[in-house]
């Protein structure tokens, strides 16, 4: 880690990243959308255990952070589709690293 006089350098950038991805759902939503655009109910089914209210809140936050786009299609009833942005796709290496770390952690701590 880069340090300056014993303090982490650029700690604000880490804080910004953690704030954009905070909570237990955002990375799971991004992982789901990395496979392609999804409608709200599709995301809800794939991210097991998330409530509709929480999913809506998390999608709005991801959209504010320019990690997800929301497209409303001119159909009846209107179809809303969410997709990961190029900025959101830049997290794929982070998600892959977390995947492998999670496997090792499960083996080390949980024993499975």
Protein backbone atom coordinates (compact mmCIF):
# COMPACT_ATOMS: atom_id res chain seq x y z
CA UNK A 1 0.00 0.00 0.00
CA UNK A 2 1.25 3.47 -0.78
CA UNK A 3 1.86 5.43 2.39
CA UNK A 4 2.94 8.93 3.26
CA UNK A 5 4.38 9.41 6.74
CA UNK A 6 2.54 6.39 8.14
CA UNK A 7 -0.88 7.42 6.78
CA UNK A 8 -2.46 5.74 3.78
CA UNK A 9 -2.09 7.83 0.64
CA UNK A 10 -5.29 8.68 -1.19
CA UNK A 11 -7.56 7.36 1.56
CA UNK A 12 -10.35 9.55 0.19
CA UNK A 13 -10.43 7.52 -3.02
CA UNK A 14 -10.97 4.34 -1.01
CA UNK A 15 -13.68 6.08 1.02
CA UNK A 16 -15.39 7.20 -2.21
CA UNK A 17 -15.28 3.64 -3.60
CA UNK A 18 -16.69 2.16 -0.40
CA UNK A 19 -19.50 4.73 -0.29
CA UNK A 20 -20.46 4.00 -3.92
CA UNK A 21 -20.53 0.24 -3.24
CA UNK A 22 -21.64 0.15 0.40
CA UNK A 23 -24.14 -2.42 1.56
CA UNK A 24 -24.52 -6.09 0.84
CA UNK A 25 -26.50 -5.77 -2.39
CA UNK A 26 -24.76 -3.37 -4.78
CA UNK A 27 -21.97 -5.68 -5.92
CA UNK A 28 -24.46 -8.52 -6.33
CA UNK A 29 -26.67 -6.29 -8.49
CA UNK A 30 -23.67 -5.22 -10.58
CA UNK A 31 -22.58 -8.84 -10.93
CA UNK A 32 -26.07 -9.75 -12.19
CA UNK A 33 -26.08 -6.87 -14.68
CA UNK A 34 -22.60 -7.76 -15.93
CA UNK A 35 -24.27 -10.67 -17.77
CA UNK A 36 -26.47 -8.22 -19.69
CA UNK A 37 -29.40 -5.83 -19.26
CA UNK A 38 -32.20 -6.95 -16.95
CA UNK A 39 -35.68 -5.84 -16.02
CA UNK A 40 -36.47 -5.11 -12.38
CA UNK A 41 -38.16 -8.45 -11.67
CA UNK A 42 -35.31 -10.36 -13.34
CA UNK A 43 -32.81 -8.65 -11.04
CA UNK A 44 -35.06 -9.33 -8.06
CA UNK A 45 -35.14 -13.06 -8.85
CA UNK A 46 -31.40 -13.34 -9.51
CA UNK A 47 -30.38 -11.40 -6.39
CA UNK A 48 -32.00 -13.80 -3.98
CA UNK A 49 -33.33 -12.30 -0.76
CA UNK A 50 -33.50 -8.62 -1.73
CA UNK A 51 -36.81 -6.81 -1.21
CA UNK A 52 -38.32 -4.73 -4.01
CA UNK A 53 -37.98 -1.60 -1.90
CA UNK A 54 -34.29 -2.23 -1.24
CA UNK A 55 -33.62 -3.14 -4.87
CA UNK A 56 -35.25 0.09 -6.02
CA UNK A 57 -33.17 2.12 -3.55
CA UNK A 58 -29.93 0.38 -4.52
CA UNK A 59 -30.59 0.78 -8.27
CA UNK A 60 -31.18 4.52 -7.78
CA UNK A 61 -27.91 4.80 -5.87
CA UNK A 62 -26.02 2.84 -8.54
CA UNK A 63 -27.55 5.08 -11.19
CA UNK A 64 -26.49 8.22 -9.26
CA UNK A 65 -22.96 6.84 -9.14
CA UNK A 66 -23.06 6.21 -12.91
CA UNK A 67 -22.58 2.47 -12.49
CA UNK A 68 -26.00 1.55 -13.91
CA UNK A 69 -28.31 3.06 -16.52
CA UNK A 70 -32.09 2.92 -16.53
CA UNK A 71 -33.89 2.82 -19.87
CA UNK A 72 -37.65 3.21 -20.22
CA UNK A 73 -38.94 1.61 -23.42
CA UNK A 74 -42.02 2.96 -25.16
CA UNK A 75 -44.29 -0.04 -24.70
CA UNK A 76 -47.57 -0.61 -22.94
CA UNK A 77 -47.14 -1.02 -20.10
CA UNK A 78 -43.78 0.76 -20.10
CA UNK A 79 -40.78 -1.56 -19.90
CA UNK A 80 -37.87 -0.47 -17.72
CA UNK A 81 -34.49 -2.08 -18.24
CA UNK A 82 -31.28 -1.67 -16.24
CA UNK A 83 -27.78 -2.11 -17.65
CA UNK A 84 -24.27 -1.78 -16.31
CA UNK A 85 -22.32 1.22 -17.63
CA UNK A 86 -18.72 1.10 -18.88
CA UNK A 87 -17.78 2.70 -15.54
CA UNK A 88 -19.61 -0.13 -13.75
CA UNK A 89 -17.95 -2.73 -15.99
CA UNK A 90 -14.58 -1.43 -14.78
CA UNK A 91 -15.42 -3.19 -11.48
CA UNK A 92 -15.37 -6.64 -13.11
CA UNK A 93 -11.78 -7.30 -12.01
CA UNK A 94 -12.72 -6.26 -8.47
CA UNK A 95 -15.73 -8.60 -8.50
CA UNK A 96 -13.60 -11.44 -9.87
CA UNK A 97 -10.98 -10.86 -7.15
CA UNK A 98 -13.74 -10.86 -4.50
CA UNK A 99 -15.10 -14.10 -5.95
CA UNK A 100 -11.75 -15.87 -5.56
CA UNK A 101 -11.13 -14.32 -2.16
CA UNK A 102 -14.60 -15.48 -1.06
CA UNK A 103 -13.82 -19.04 -2.15
CA UNK A 104 -10.56 -19.01 -0.18
CA UNK A 105 -12.27 -17.39 2.82
CA UNK A 106 -15.03 -19.99 2.81
CA UNK A 107 -12.41 -22.75 2.76
CA UNK A 108 -10.26 -21.12 5.47
CA UNK A 109 -12.94 -19.97 7.89
CA UNK A 110 -16.05 -21.94 7.14
CA UNK A 111 -14.31 -25.13 6.03
CA UNK A 112 -16.40 -25.73 2.89
